[in-house]
Protein backbone atom coordinates (compact mmCIF):
# COMPACT_ATOMS: atom_id res chain seq x y z
CA MET A 1 -12.39 1.01 -14.44
CA ILE A 2 -13.12 -1.08 -11.25
CA GLY A 3 -12.10 0.80 -8.22
CA GLY A 4 -9.81 -0.79 -5.68
CA ARG A 5 -7.56 0.10 -2.74
CA ILE A 6 -3.85 0.26 -2.35
CA LEU A 7 -2.42 -0.92 0.89
CA ASP A 8 0.81 0.69 2.19
CA THR A 9 3.27 -0.65 4.75
CA THR A 10 1.24 0.67 7.75
CA ALA A 11 -1.95 -1.02 6.39
CA LEU A 12 -0.12 -4.32 5.94
CA THR A 13 1.51 -4.36 9.35
CA ALA A 14 -1.90 -3.35 10.95
CA ALA A 15 -3.51 -6.27 9.13
CA ALA A 16 -0.80 -8.68 10.24
CA ARG A 17 -1.15 -7.50 13.83
CA GLY A 18 -4.96 -8.18 13.84
CA SER A 19 -6.37 -4.69 13.44
CA LEU A 20 -10.19 -4.83 13.50
CA TYR A 21 -10.28 -2.12 10.93
CA MET A 22 -8.16 -4.09 8.52
CA GLN A 23 -10.11 -7.34 9.22
CA ALA A 24 -13.34 -5.42 8.35
CA LEU A 25 -11.69 -4.04 5.18
CA LEU A 26 -10.65 -7.44 4.00
CA SER A 27 -14.09 -8.85 4.75
CA ILE A 28 -15.80 -6.06 2.81
CA ALA A 29 -13.28 -6.39 -0.15
CA HIS A 30 -14.14 -10.08 -0.26
CA GLN A 31 -17.90 -9.54 -0.15
CA ARG A 32 -17.90 -6.77 -2.73
CA VAL A 33 -15.05 -8.02 -4.88
CA ILE A 34 -12.85 -5.02 -4.34
CA PRO A 35 -9.35 -5.52 -5.65
CA LEU A 36 -6.47 -4.68 -3.30
CA LEU A 37 -2.98 -3.70 -4.54
CA VAL A 38 0.28 -3.98 -2.53
CA PRO A 39 3.38 -2.45 -3.86
CA THR A 40 6.29 -4.90 -3.57
CA THR A 41 8.35 -2.13 -1.74
CA ALA A 42 5.64 -1.79 0.86
CA LEU A 43 5.53 -5.53 1.29
CA SER A 44 9.25 -5.74 1.87
CA ASP A 45 9.17 -2.97 4.42
CA ALA A 46 6.25 -4.75 6.20
CA TYR A 47 8.24 -8.01 6.38
CA SER A 48 11.11 -6.09 7.90
CA ASP A 49 8.77 -5.11 10.80
CA PHE A 50 8.37 -8.77 11.81
CA LYS A 51 10.75 -11.49 12.95
CA ALA A 52 10.93 -14.49 10.75
CA ASP A 53 8.88 -16.56 13.32
CA THR A 54 6.09 -13.96 13.49
CA SER A 55 5.65 -13.08 9.77
CA HIS A 56 3.20 -15.93 9.05
CA ALA A 57 0.19 -13.48 9.53
CA LEU A 58 1.68 -11.27 6.87
CA ALA A 59 2.25 -14.17 4.52
CA THR A 60 -1.37 -15.24 4.97
CA ILE A 61 -2.66 -11.76 4.19
CA VAL A 62 -0.57 -11.70 0.88
CA ARG A 63 -2.38 -14.90 -0.21
CA PHE A 64 -5.76 -13.16 0.04
CA PRO A 65 -7.54 -13.90 -3.17
CA LEU A 66 -8.29 -10.28 -4.28
CA LEU A 67 -4.86 -9.08 -3.38
CA THR A 68 -2.20 -8.45 -6.16
CA VAL A 69 1.41 -7.61 -5.38
CA ALA A 70 2.56 -4.80 -7.80
CA PRO A 71 6.20 -5.21 -8.83
CA LEU A 72 8.54 -2.28 -9.14
CA ASP A 73 9.42 -2.84 -12.84
CA GLU A 74 11.61 -0.47 -14.87
CA ALA A 75 8.74 1.72 -16.14
CA ASP A 76 7.35 2.09 -12.56
CA ALA A 77 10.80 2.71 -11.15
CA GLN A 78 11.17 5.62 -13.61
CA GLY A 79 7.76 7.00 -12.60
CA VAL A 80 8.51 6.67 -8.97
CA GLY A 81 11.85 8.39 -9.39
CA ILE A 82 10.39 11.31 -11.32
CA LEU A 83 7.62 11.72 -8.78
CA ARG A 84 10.20 11.76 -5.84
CA ALA A 85 12.45 14.14 -7.88
CA ASN A 86 9.66 16.69 -8.46
CA THR A 87 8.92 17.23 -4.68
CA ASP A 88 10.72 18.85 -1.82
CA SER A 89 10.20 15.72 0.08
CA ARG A 90 12.76 13.21 1.02
CA ALA A 91 10.36 10.37 0.59
CA SER A 92 11.41 6.74 0.46
CA THR A 93 11.17 4.66 -2.50
CA THR A 94 8.22 2.82 -0.90
CA ALA A 95 6.16 6.04 -0.37
CA GLY A 96 7.00 7.04 -3.87
CA HIS A 97 5.89 3.55 -5.22
CA VAL A 98 2.59 3.81 -3.22
CA ALA A 99 1.98 7.41 -4.41
CA TYR A 100 2.83 6.49 -7.98
CA LEU A 101 0.48 3.44 -8.17
CA ALA A 102 -2.35 5.59 -6.51
CA ALA A 103 -1.89 8.36 -9.05
CA ALA A 104 -1.78 5.94 -12.00
CA ARG A 105 -4.96 4.01 -10.89
CA GLN A 106 -6.69 6.96 -9.05
CA TRP A 107 -7.38 4.46 -6.14
CA PRO A 108 -7.31 5.46 -2.47
CA VAL A 109 -4.50 4.38 -0.22
CA ILE A 110 -5.19 2.66 3.09
CA THR A 111 -2.53 4.21 5.33
CA GLY A 112 -1.61 5.31 8.80
CA GLU A 113 0.69 8.12 7.31
CA PRO A 114 -1.45 10.13 4.83
CA ASP A 115 0.69 13.31 5.13
CA ARG A 116 3.81 11.44 3.99
CA LEU A 117 2.01 10.43 0.78
CA ARG A 118 0.42 13.86 0.17
CA ALA A 119 3.96 15.40 0.32
CA LEU A 120 4.63 13.40 -2.87
CA TYR A 121 1.22 13.63 -4.56
CA PRO A 122 -1.15 16.27 -2.97
CA ASP A 123 -4.29 14.97 -4.84
CA ILE A 124 -3.94 11.47 -3.45
CA GLU A 125 -7.06 10.00 -1.85
CA THR A 126 -6.42 8.25 1.41
CA GLU A 127 -8.39 6.29 3.92
CA SER A 128 -6.69 6.66 7.37
CA LEU A 129 -6.15 3.89 9.68
CA PRO A 130 -7.81 4.51 13.04
């Protein structure tokens, strides 16, 4: 299996705001052909952090060639719901979607909030944003 990275809402908003860390990550992903996965729920939350006239940077990032947007289809929705139901956490659907995809693929998540994801899936591998 080719290893990739999952970007959560915090990673997407950091990238759209010009984070040097995220610029470097996107450059390395391009150079080494590392796939990036963005849950649709995280993308929706990231768009809600920007006004319509300032969301162009986020739209550009989503068009990055190695980035795939993962839909929340019925099977994934069931898995996310079960994951959330089996924890004491009051995690959002987005956090559940991110954690579920990370568990299914065994890919690390780029995030600014690793503890929120570990509450859902303690074995999750994360790369924290600076």
